[in-house]
Amino acid sequence: MPVAIRALFDTASLTVYAELLGYLRKEIMALADLAALQQTLGISFNGLSLLEQALVHSSYVNENPGVAPASNERLEFLGDAVLGLVVAEKLYQDFPHCAEGEMTKLRAALVRGNTLARVARTIGLGDYLYLGRGEEASGGRRKPANLAGALEAMIAAIFLDQGSVTTRDFILRLLNKELQKVASPGARVDYKSQLQELIQAREQQTPAYQLVEAMGPDHDQRFTVEVRAGDAVLGKGSGKSKKAAETEAARAALEQLSTSFTQ
């Protein structure tokens, strides 16, 4: 074999070898990361593929379609449903004297995006996310939507890999402090304060409440209120007093924002 061709062959071989070695190093590091995450979660997965997929943001798939064929969005959908069911059952068992409306409020406070993002930070979930370069550069590991979505996806991964009993135990352990908050004597969900905190953080504005309708006789009036941030209507609520209508408008706004938050 001519020297020039042998040199070219050797160079090509070294290049392929270097690429393979780099890939193997990344795989070993990824496995080490997943081992650390499992230790934090207190769960040993039967297979790591679901856990790994739960950490894949759509931006990573867009930039690496061959490496990661699917993002965590389908798992997020399932995890949202599993989380809602576990929390609803827990509230039903622990608050036997609560009406349906009050339990709905408590569940909304426990499963909303900001709560899930806060819980995700306590286990350092952002450190394990697979992100595209642009999402990484824009602070994607700290974004509440990414953290909340990944947490829901991880719940689904645990559900599919470990079953319902382990998943329920994991969720209740993870949300223990949040559950204690709503269970504390005199605890009430302050929707107006929650909404104000959220809008000020996102938009640097304070939500404003506007009475849009008052119907019925003086002794039995029903008020309808809109809550706005600038010109945008965030939510609408009705009640037998202006205060009750404002509270319901804030609750509706938080529910809507929580829905769009993880989309």
C-alpha atoms as a PDB file:
ATOM      1  CA  MET A   1       0.000   0.000   0.000  1.00  0.00           C
ATOM      2  CA  PRO A   2       1.453   3.400  -0.977  1.00  0.00           C
ATOM      3  CA  VAL A   3       2.650   5.500   1.973  1.00  0.00           C
ATOM      4  CA  ALA A   4       0.276   8.373   1.169  1.00  0.00           C
ATOM      5  CA  ILE A   5      -2.750   6.075   1.081  1.00  0.00           C
ATOM      6  CA  ARG A   6      -1.644   4.311   4.287  1.00  0.00           C
ATOM      7  CA  ALA A   7      -1.260   7.697   5.994  1.00  0.00           C
ATOM      8  CA  LEU A   8      -4.697   8.762   4.812  1.00  0.00           C
ATOM      9  CA  PHE A   9      -6.169   5.486   6.048  1.00  0.00           C
ATOM     10  CA  ASP A  10      -4.436   5.865   9.407  1.00  0.00           C
ATOM     11  CA  THR A  11      -5.696   9.452   9.746  1.00  0.00           C
ATOM     12  CA  ALA A  12      -9.245   8.423   8.930  1.00  0.00           C
ATOM     13  CA  SER A  13      -9.041   5.553  11.411  1.00  0.00           C
ATOM     14  CA  LEU A  14      -7.771   7.850  14.125  1.00  0.00           C
ATOM     15  CA  THR A  15     -10.591  10.300  13.415  1.00  0.00           C
ATOM     16  CA  VAL A  16     -13.233   7.574  13.669  1.00  0.00           C
ATOM     17  CA  TYR A  17     -11.565   6.225  16.811  1.00  0.00           C
ATOM     18  CA  ALA A  18     -11.522   9.694  18.392  1.00  0.00           C
ATOM     19  CA  GLU A  19     -15.194  10.226  17.573  1.00  0.00           C
ATOM     20  CA  LEU A  20     -16.092   6.805  18.978  1.00  0.00           C
ATOM     21  CA  LEU A  21     -14.071   7.455  22.124  1.00  0.00           C
ATOM     22  CA  GLY A  22     -15.768  10.828  22.568  1.00  0.00           C
ATOM     23  CA  TYR A  23     -19.183   9.203  22.164  1.00  0.00           C
ATOM     24  CA  LEU A  24     -18.347   6.477  24.694  1.00  0.00           C
ATOM     25  CA  ARG A  25     -17.122   9.080  27.189  1.00  0.00           C
ATOM     26  CA  LYS A  26     -20.387  10.982  26.832  1.00  0.00           C
ATOM     27  CA  GLU A  27     -22.361   7.768  27.318  1.00  0.00           C
ATOM     28  CA  ILE A  28     -20.378   6.881  30.448  1.00  0.00           C
ATOM     29  CA  MET A  29     -20.868  10.383  31.840  1.00  0.00           C
ATOM     30  CA  ALA A  30     -24.590  10.229  31.053  1.00  0.00           C
ATOM     31  CA  LEU A  31     -24.903   6.895  32.843  1.00  0.00           C
ATOM     32  CA  ALA A  32     -23.036   8.318  35.832  1.00  0.00           C
ATOM     33  CA  ASP A  33     -25.406  11.283  35.884  1.00  0.00           C
ATOM     34  CA  LEU A  34     -28.440   8.991  35.744  1.00  0.00           C
ATOM     35  CA  ALA A  35     -27.010   6.904  38.589  1.00  0.00           C
ATOM     36  CA  ALA A  36     -26.665  10.044  40.705  1.00  0.00           C
ATOM     37  CA  LEU A  37     -30.210  11.119  39.826  1.00  0.00           C
ATOM     38  CA  GLN A  38     -31.617   7.712  40.762  1.00  0.00           C
ATOM     39  CA  GLN A  39     -29.868   7.959  44.110  1.00  0.00           C
ATOM     40  CA  THR A  40     -31.443  11.385  44.669  1.00  0.00           C
ATOM     41  CA  LEU A  41     -34.870  10.057  43.696  1.00  0.00           C
ATOM     42  CA  GLY A  42     -34.504   6.961  45.848  1.00  0.00           C
ATOM     43  CA  ILE A  43     -35.546   4.809  42.897  1.00  0.00           C
ATOM     44  CA  SER A  44     -33.586   2.235  40.895  1.00  0.00           C
ATOM     45  CA  PHE A  45     -35.041   1.957  37.391  1.00  0.00           C
ATOM     46  CA  ASN A  46     -35.359  -1.409  35.683  1.00  0.00           C
ATOM     47  CA  GLY A  47     -34.381   0.298  32.414  1.00  0.00           C
ATOM     48  CA  LEU A  48     -32.836   3.724  31.962  1.00  0.00           C
ATOM     49  CA  SER A  49     -34.423   4.606  28.615  1.00  0.00           C
ATOM     50  CA  LEU A  50     -37.596   6.050  30.143  1.00  0.00           C
ATOM     51  CA  LEU A  51     -35.703   8.082  32.717  1.00  0.00           C
ATOM     52  CA  GLU A  52     -33.394   9.423  30.025  1.00  0.00           C
ATOM     53  CA  GLN A  53     -36.303  10.338  27.745  1.00  0.00           C
ATOM     54  CA  ALA A  54     -37.987  12.183  30.610  1.00  0.00           C
ATOM     55  CA  LEU A  55     -35.021  14.558  30.633  1.00  0.00           C
ATOM     56  CA  VAL A  56     -34.981  15.318  26.893  1.00  0.00           C
ATOM     57  CA  HIS A  57     -36.251  18.800  26.017  1.00  0.00           C
ATOM     58  CA  SER A  58     -37.680  19.347  22.528  1.00  0.00           C
ATOM     59  CA  SER A  59     -34.826  21.745  21.700  1.00  0.00           C
ATOM     60  CA  TYR A  60     -32.336  18.884  22.092  1.00  0.00           C
ATOM     61  CA  VAL A  61     -34.328  16.700  19.693  1.00  0.00           C
ATOM     62  CA  ASN A  62     -34.436  19.509  17.129  1.00  0.00           C
ATOM     63  CA  GLU A  63     -30.642  19.775  17.174  1.00  0.00           C
ATOM     64  CA  ASN A  64     -29.914  16.032  17.554  1.00  0.00           C
ATOM     65  CA  PRO A  65     -32.691  14.148  15.712  1.00  0.00           C
ATOM     66  CA  GLY A  66     -30.600  11.001  15.277  1.00  0.00           C
ATOM     67  CA  VAL A  67     -29.424  10.830  18.876  1.00  0.00           C
ATOM     68  CA  ALA A  68     -32.741  11.627  20.568  1.00  0.00           C
ATOM     69  CA  PRO A  69     -35.733  10.617  18.434  1.00  0.00           C
ATOM     70  CA  ALA A  70     -38.359  11.860  20.933  1.00  0.00           C
ATOM     71  CA  SER A  71     -38.678  14.569  23.574  1.00  0.00           C
ATOM     72  CA  ASN A  72     -40.276  14.217  26.998  1.00  0.00           C
ATOM     73  CA  GLU A  73     -43.589  15.791  25.927  1.00  0.00           C
ATOM     74  CA  ARG A  74     -45.590  12.534  25.686  1.00  0.00           C
ATOM     75  CA  LEU A  75     -44.306  11.469  29.092  1.00  0.00           C
ATOM     76  CA  GLU A  76     -45.189  14.921  30.427  1.00  0.00           C
ATOM     77  CA  PHE A  77     -48.793  14.392  29.269  1.00  0.00           C
ATOM     78  CA  LEU A  78     -49.037  11.091  31.136  1.00  0.00           C
ATOM     79  CA  GLY A  79     -47.242  12.389  34.204  1.00  0.00           C
ATOM     80  CA  ASP A  80     -49.641  15.304  34.510  1.00  0.00           C
ATOM     81  CA  ALA A  81     -52.569  12.873  34.680  1.00  0.00           C
ATOM     82  CA  VAL A  82     -50.841  10.543  37.166  1.00  0.00           C
ATOM     83  CA  LEU A  83     -49.847  13.467  39.398  1.00  0.00           C
ATOM     84  CA  GLY A  84     -53.362  14.893  39.352  1.00  0.00           C
ATOM     85  CA  LEU A  85     -54.885  11.547  40.325  1.00  0.00           C
ATOM     86  CA  VAL A  86     -52.472  10.919  43.217  1.00  0.00           C
ATOM     87  CA  VAL A  87     -52.923  14.429  44.609  1.00  0.00           C
ATOM     88  CA  ALA A  88     -56.721  14.253  44.231  1.00  0.00           C
ATOM     89  CA  GLU A  89     -56.844  10.925  46.098  1.00  0.00           C
ATOM     90  CA  LYS A  90     -54.596  12.269  48.862  1.00  0.00           C
ATOM     91  CA  LEU A  91     -56.776  15.350  49.350  1.00  0.00           C
ATOM     92  CA  TYR A  92     -59.939  13.224  49.320  1.00  0.00           C
ATOM     93  CA  GLN A  93     -58.547  10.968  52.046  1.00  0.00           C
ATOM     94  CA  ASP A  94     -56.997  13.693  54.209  1.00  0.00           C
ATOM     95  CA  PHE A  95     -59.762  16.320  53.988  1.00  0.00           C
ATOM     96  CA  PRO A  96     -63.031  14.404  54.490  1.00  0.00           C
ATOM     97  CA  HIS A  97     -64.942  17.554  55.393  1.00  0.00           C
ATOM     98  CA  CYS A  98     -63.734  19.658  52.453  1.00  0.00           C
ATOM     99  CA  ALA A  99     -66.218  20.476  49.727  1.00  0.00           C
ATOM    100  CA  GLU A 100     -65.416  19.712  46.102  1.00  0.00           C
ATOM    101  CA  GLY A 101     -64.657  23.352  45.321  1.00  0.00           C
ATOM    102  CA  GLU A 102     -62.128  23.676  48.143  1.00  0.00           C
ATOM    103  CA  MET A 103     -60.376  20.437  47.177  1.00  0.00           C
ATOM    104  CA  THR A 104     -60.166  21.696  43.597  1.00  0.00           C
ATOM    105  CA  LYS A 105     -58.449  24.844  44.829  1.00  0.00           C
ATOM    106  CA  LEU A 106     -55.975  22.873  46.925  1.00  0.00           C
ATOM    107  CA  ARG A 107     -55.161  20.525  44.046  1.00  0.00           C
ATOM    108  CA  ALA A 108     -54.616  23.465  41.688  1.00  0.00           C
ATOM    109  CA  ALA A 109     -52.153  24.995  44.167  1.00  0.00           C
ATOM    110  CA  LEU A 110     -50.237  21.728  44.485  1.00  0.00           C
ATOM    111  CA  VAL A 111     -49.925  20.825  40.792  1.00  0.00           C
ATOM    112  CA  ARG A 112     -49.510  24.261  39.221  1.00  0.00           C
ATOM    113  CA  GLY A 113     -46.360  24.978  37.252  1.00  0.00           C
ATOM    114  CA  ASN A 114     -44.649  27.203  39.804  1.00  0.00           C
ATOM    115  CA  THR A 115     -45.093  24.637  42.580  1.00  0.00           C
ATOM    116  CA  LEU A 116     -43.695  21.825  40.432  1.00  0.00           C
ATOM    117  CA  ALA A 117     -40.754  23.966  39.326  1.00  0.00           C
ATOM    118  CA  ARG A 118     -39.975  24.812  42.960  1.00  0.00           C
ATOM    119  CA  VAL A 119     -40.076  21.116  43.905  1.00  0.00           C
ATOM    120  CA  ALA A 120     -37.924  20.200  40.883  1.00  0.00           C
ATOM    121  CA  ARG A 121     -35.250  22.626  42.072  1.00  0.00           C
ATOM    122  CA  THR A 122     -35.030  20.862  45.438  1.00  0.00           C
ATOM    123  CA  ILE A 123     -33.758  17.705  43.699  1.00  0.00           C
ATOM    124  CA  GLY A 124     -31.549  19.596  41.238  1.00  0.00           C
ATOM    125  CA  LEU A 125     -33.513  18.312  38.244  1.00  0.00           C
ATOM    126  CA  GLY A 126     -32.365  21.127  35.978  1.00  0.00           C
ATOM    127  CA  ASP A 127     -28.787  19.813  36.117  1.00  0.00           C
ATOM    128  CA  TYR A 128     -29.811  16.623  34.314  1.00  0.00           C
ATOM    129  CA  LEU A 129     -31.805  18.070  31.408  1.00  0.00           C
ATOM    130  CA  TYR A 130     -30.800  17.472  27.793  1.00  0.00           C
ATOM    131  CA  LEU A 131     -31.114  20.893  26.134  1.00  0.00           C
ATOM    132  CA  GLY A 132     -30.311  22.361  22.748  1.00  0.00           C
ATOM    133  CA  ARG A 133     -27.523  24.915  22.596  1.00  0.00           C
ATOM    134  CA  GLY A 134     -29.903  27.866  22.251  1.00  0.00           C
ATOM    135  CA  GLU A 135     -32.096  26.736  25.142  1.00  0.00           C
ATOM    136  CA  GLU A 136     -28.997  26.134  27.257  1.00  0.00           C
ATOM    137  CA  ALA A 137     -27.666  29.608  26.502  1.00  0.00           C
ATOM    138  CA  SER A 138     -30.988  31.237  27.433  1.00  0.00           C
ATOM    139  CA  GLY A 139     -30.983  29.719  30.928  1.00  0.00           C
ATOM    140  CA  GLY A 140     -33.162  26.734  30.076  1.00  0.00           C
ATOM    141  CA  ARG A 141     -32.051  24.760  33.126  1.00  0.00           C
ATOM    142  CA  ARG A 142     -33.660  27.364  35.386  1.00  0.00           C
ATOM    143  CA  LYS A 143     -36.869  27.983  33.412  1.00  0.00           C
ATOM    144  CA  PRO A 144     -39.945  27.011  35.443  1.00  0.00           C
ATOM    145  CA  ALA A 145     -41.741  25.522  32.408  1.00  0.00           C
ATOM    146  CA  ASN A 146     -38.806  23.210  31.629  1.00  0.00           C
ATOM    147  CA  LEU A 147     -38.486  22.110  35.249  1.00  0.00           C
ATOM    148  CA  ALA A 148     -42.207  21.504  35.735  1.00  0.00           C
ATOM    149  CA  GLY A 149     -42.480  19.602  32.451  1.00  0.00           C
ATOM    150  CA  ALA A 150     -39.464  17.430  33.227  1.00  0.00           C
ATOM    151  CA  LEU A 151     -40.818  16.618  36.679  1.00  0.00           C
ATOM    152  CA  GLU A 152     -44.146  15.492  35.209  1.00  0.00           C
ATOM    153  CA  ALA A 153     -42.296  13.445  32.574  1.00  0.00           C
ATOM    154  CA  MET A 154     -40.174  11.822  35.275  1.00  0.00           C
ATOM    155  CA  ILE A 155     -43.310  10.893  37.215  1.00  0.00           C
ATOM    156  CA  ALA A 156     -44.600   9.159  34.085  1.00  0.00           C
ATOM    157  CA  ALA A 157     -41.278   7.350  33.642  1.00  0.00           C
ATOM    158  CA  ILE A 158     -41.477   6.069  37.217  1.00  0.00           C
ATOM    159  CA  PHE A 159     -45.106   5.029  36.683  1.00  0.00           C
ATOM    160  CA  LEU A 160     -44.289   3.032  33.537  1.00  0.00           C
ATOM    161  CA  ASP A 161     -41.120   1.483  34.964  1.00  0.00           C
ATOM    162  CA  GLN A 162     -42.080   0.902  38.601  1.00  0.00           C
ATOM    163  CA  GLY A 163     -45.875   0.842  38.754  1.00  0.00           C
ATOM    164  CA  SER A 164     -48.532   2.842  40.552  1.00  0.00           C
ATOM    165  CA  VAL A 165     -47.618   2.070  44.189  1.00  0.00           C
ATOM    166  CA  THR A 166     -44.003   3.222  43.895  1.00  0.00           C
ATOM    167  CA  THR A 167     -45.106   6.266  41.895  1.00  0.00           C
ATOM    168  CA  ARG A 168     -47.669   7.262  44.512  1.00  0.00           C
ATOM    169  CA  ASP A 169     -45.101   6.926  47.296  1.00  0.00           C
ATOM    170  CA  PHE A 170     -42.602   9.000  45.304  1.00  0.00           C
ATOM    171  CA  ILE A 171     -45.083  11.811  44.574  1.00  0.00           C
ATOM    172  CA  LEU A 172     -46.249  12.054  48.183  1.00  0.00           C
ATOM    173  CA  ARG A 173     -42.666  12.064  49.427  1.00  0.00           C
ATOM    174  CA  LEU A 174     -41.699  14.730  46.909  1.00  0.00           C
ATOM    175  CA  LEU A 175     -44.700  16.942  47.686  1.00  0.00           C
ATOM    176  CA  ASN A 176     -44.607  16.358  51.433  1.00  0.00           C
ATOM    177  CA  LYS A 177     -43.705  19.951  52.364  1.00  0.00           C
ATOM    178  CA  GLU A 178     -46.268  21.382  49.954  1.00  0.00           C
ATOM    179  CA  LEU A 179     -48.935  19.068  51.383  1.00  0.00           C
ATOM    180  CA  GLN A 180     -48.021  20.163  54.905  1.00  0.00           C
ATOM    181  CA  LYS A 181     -48.570  23.764  53.887  1.00  0.00           C
ATOM    182  CA  VAL A 182     -52.136  23.166  52.712  1.00  0.00           C
ATOM    183  CA  ALA A 183     -52.852  20.916  55.699  1.00  0.00           C
ATOM    184  CA  SER A 184     -51.689  23.435  58.302  1.00  0.00           C
ATOM    185  CA  PRO A 185     -54.441  24.884  60.527  1.00  0.00           C
ATOM    186  CA  GLY A 186     -56.124  27.872  58.935  1.00  0.00           C
ATOM    187  CA  ALA A 187     -54.278  27.403  55.648  1.00  0.00           C
ATOM    188  CA  ARG A 188     -56.102  28.871  52.672  1.00  0.00           C
ATOM    189  CA  VAL A 189     -55.127  29.288  49.066  1.00  0.00           C
ATOM    190  CA  ASP A 190     -54.592  33.010  48.436  1.00  0.00           C
ATOM    191  CA  TYR A 191     -55.177  33.176  44.689  1.00  0.00           C
ATOM    192  CA  LYS A 192     -54.892  36.946  44.452  1.00  0.00           C
ATOM    193  CA  SER A 193     -51.479  36.990  46.119  1.00  0.00           C
ATOM    194  CA  GLN A 194     -50.288  34.065  43.997  1.00  0.00           C
ATOM    195  CA  LEU A 195     -51.419  35.781  40.806  1.00  0.00           C
ATOM    196  CA  GLN A 196     -49.830  39.092  41.798  1.00  0.00           C
ATOM    197  CA  GLU A 197     -46.532  37.366  42.569  1.00  0.00           C
ATOM    198  CA  LEU A 198     -46.588  35.534  39.235  1.00  0.00           C
ATOM    199  CA  ILE A 199     -47.521  38.544  37.069  1.00  0.00           C
ATOM    200  CA  GLN A 200     -45.028  40.831  38.762  1.00  0.00           C
ATOM    201  CA  ALA A 201     -42.288  38.259  38.179  1.00  0.00           C
ATOM    202  CA  ARG A 202     -43.221  37.673  34.536  1.00  0.00           C
ATOM    203  CA  GLU A 203     -44.520  41.014  33.331  1.00  0.00           C
ATOM    204  CA  GLN A 204     -43.334  43.515  35.960  1.00  0.00           C
ATOM    205  CA  GLN A 205     -46.975  44.596  36.306  1.00  0.00           C
ATOM    206  CA  THR A 206     -49.625  44.398  38.997  1.00  0.00           C
ATOM    207  CA  PRO A 207     -52.906  42.701  37.988  1.00  0.00           C
ATOM    208  CA  ALA A 208     -55.959  44.956  38.068  1.00  0.00           C
ATOM    209  CA  TYR A 209     -59.537  43.880  38.827  1.00  0.00           C
ATOM    210  CA  GLN A 210     -62.467  45.421  36.995  1.00  0.00           C
ATOM    211  CA  LEU A 211     -66.163  44.946  37.747  1.00  0.00           C
ATOM    212  CA  VAL A 212     -67.899  44.105  34.461  1.00  0.00           C
ATOM    213  CA  GLU A 213     -71.369  43.109  35.647  1.00  0.00           C
ATOM    214  CA  ALA A 214     -73.652  43.176  38.684  1.00  0.00           C
ATOM    215  CA  MET A 215     -76.937  41.307  38.395  1.00  0.00           C
ATOM    216  CA  GLY A 216     -79.888  40.569  40.655  1.00  0.00           C
ATOM    217  CA  PRO A 217     -81.718  42.399  43.422  1.00  0.00           C
ATOM    218  CA  ASP A 218     -79.807  44.251  46.121  1.00  0.00           C
ATOM    219  CA  HIS A 219     -80.221  41.438  48.641  1.00  0.00           C
ATOM    220  CA  ASP A 220     -79.045  38.745  46.213  1.00  0.00           C
ATOM    221  CA  GLN A 221     -76.624  40.306  43.757  1.00  0.00           C
ATOM    222  CA  ARG A 222     -74.057  38.393  41.758  1.00  0.00           C
ATOM    223  CA  PHE A 223     -70.902  40.183  40.598  1.00  0.00           C
ATOM    224  CA  THR A 224     -68.642  39.398  37.662  1.00  0.00           C
ATOM    225  CA  VAL A 225     -65.065  40.630  37.638  1.00  0.00           C
ATOM    226  CA  GLU A 226     -62.233  40.500  35.118  1.00  0.00           C
ATOM    227  CA  VAL A 227     -58.580  40.516  36.102  1.00  0.00           C
ATOM    228  CA  ARG A 228     -56.169  42.117  33.650  1.00  0.00           C
ATOM    229  CA  ALA A 229     -52.475  42.656  33.109  1.00  0.00           C
ATOM    230  CA  GLY A 230     -52.334  45.714  30.907  1.00  0.00           C
ATOM    231  CA  ASP A 231     -54.882  45.170  28.132  1.00  0.00           C
ATOM    232  CA  ALA A 232     -54.845  41.384  28.426  1.00  0.00           C
ATOM    233  CA  VAL A 233     -57.735  39.684  30.235  1.00  0.00           C
ATOM    234  CA  LEU A 234     -56.216  36.932  32.380  1.00  0.00           C
ATOM    235  CA  GLY A 235     -59.389  35.541  33.886  1.00  0.00           C
ATOM    236  CA  LYS A 236     -63.012  36.152  34.790  1.00  0.00           C
ATOM    237  CA  GLY A 237     -64.924  35.191  37.919  1.00  0.00           C
ATOM    238  CA  SER A 238     -68.316  35.560  39.551  1.00  0.00           C
ATOM    239  CA  GLY A 239     -69.464  35.618  43.161  1.00  0.00           C
ATOM    240  CA  LYS A 240     -71.966  36.967  45.631  1.00  0.00           C
ATOM    241  CA  SER A 241     -69.551  39.744  46.581  1.00  0.00           C
ATOM    242  CA  LYS A 242     -66.938  41.717  44.688  1.00  0.00           C
ATOM    243  CA  LYS A 243     -64.227  40.125  46.825  1.00  0.00           C
ATOM    244  CA  ALA A 244     -65.451  36.613  46.031  1.00  0.00           C
ATOM    245  CA  ALA A 245     -65.640  37.461  42.327  1.00  0.00           C
ATOM    246  CA  GLU A 246     -62.085  38.833  42.368  1.00  0.00           C
ATOM    247  CA  THR A 247     -60.843  35.665  44.100  1.00  0.00           C
ATOM    248  CA  GLU A 248     -62.553  33.485  41.508  1.00  0.00           C
ATOM    249  CA  ALA A 249     -61.121  35.607  38.675  1.00  0.00           C
ATOM    250  CA  ALA A 250     -57.628  35.192  40.138  1.00  0.00           C
ATOM    251  CA  ARG A 251     -58.150  31.431  40.474  1.00  0.00           C
ATOM    252  CA  ALA A 252     -59.312  31.184  36.846  1.00  0.00           C
ATOM    253  CA  ALA A 253     -56.316  33.238  35.700  1.00  0.00           C
ATOM    254  CA  LEU A 254     -53.869  30.994  37.579  1.00  0.00           C
ATOM    255  CA  GLU A 255     -55.491  27.894  36.110  1.00  0.00           C
ATOM    256  CA  GLN A 256     -55.234  29.304  32.590  1.00  0.00           C
ATOM    257  CA  LEU A 257     -51.649  30.431  33.091  1.00  0.00           C
ATOM    258  CA  SER A 258     -50.740  27.039  34.569  1.00  0.00           C
ATOM    259  CA  THR A 259     -52.225  25.307  31.497  1.00  0.00           C
ATOM    260  CA  SER A 260     -50.279  27.457  29.052  1.00  0.00           C
ATOM    261  CA  PHE A 261     -47.217  27.379  31.312  1.00  0.00           C
ATOM    262  CA  THR A 262     -46.221  23.820  30.390  1.00  0.00           C
ATOM    263  CA  GLN A 263     -47.346  23.819  26.775  1.00  0.00           C
END
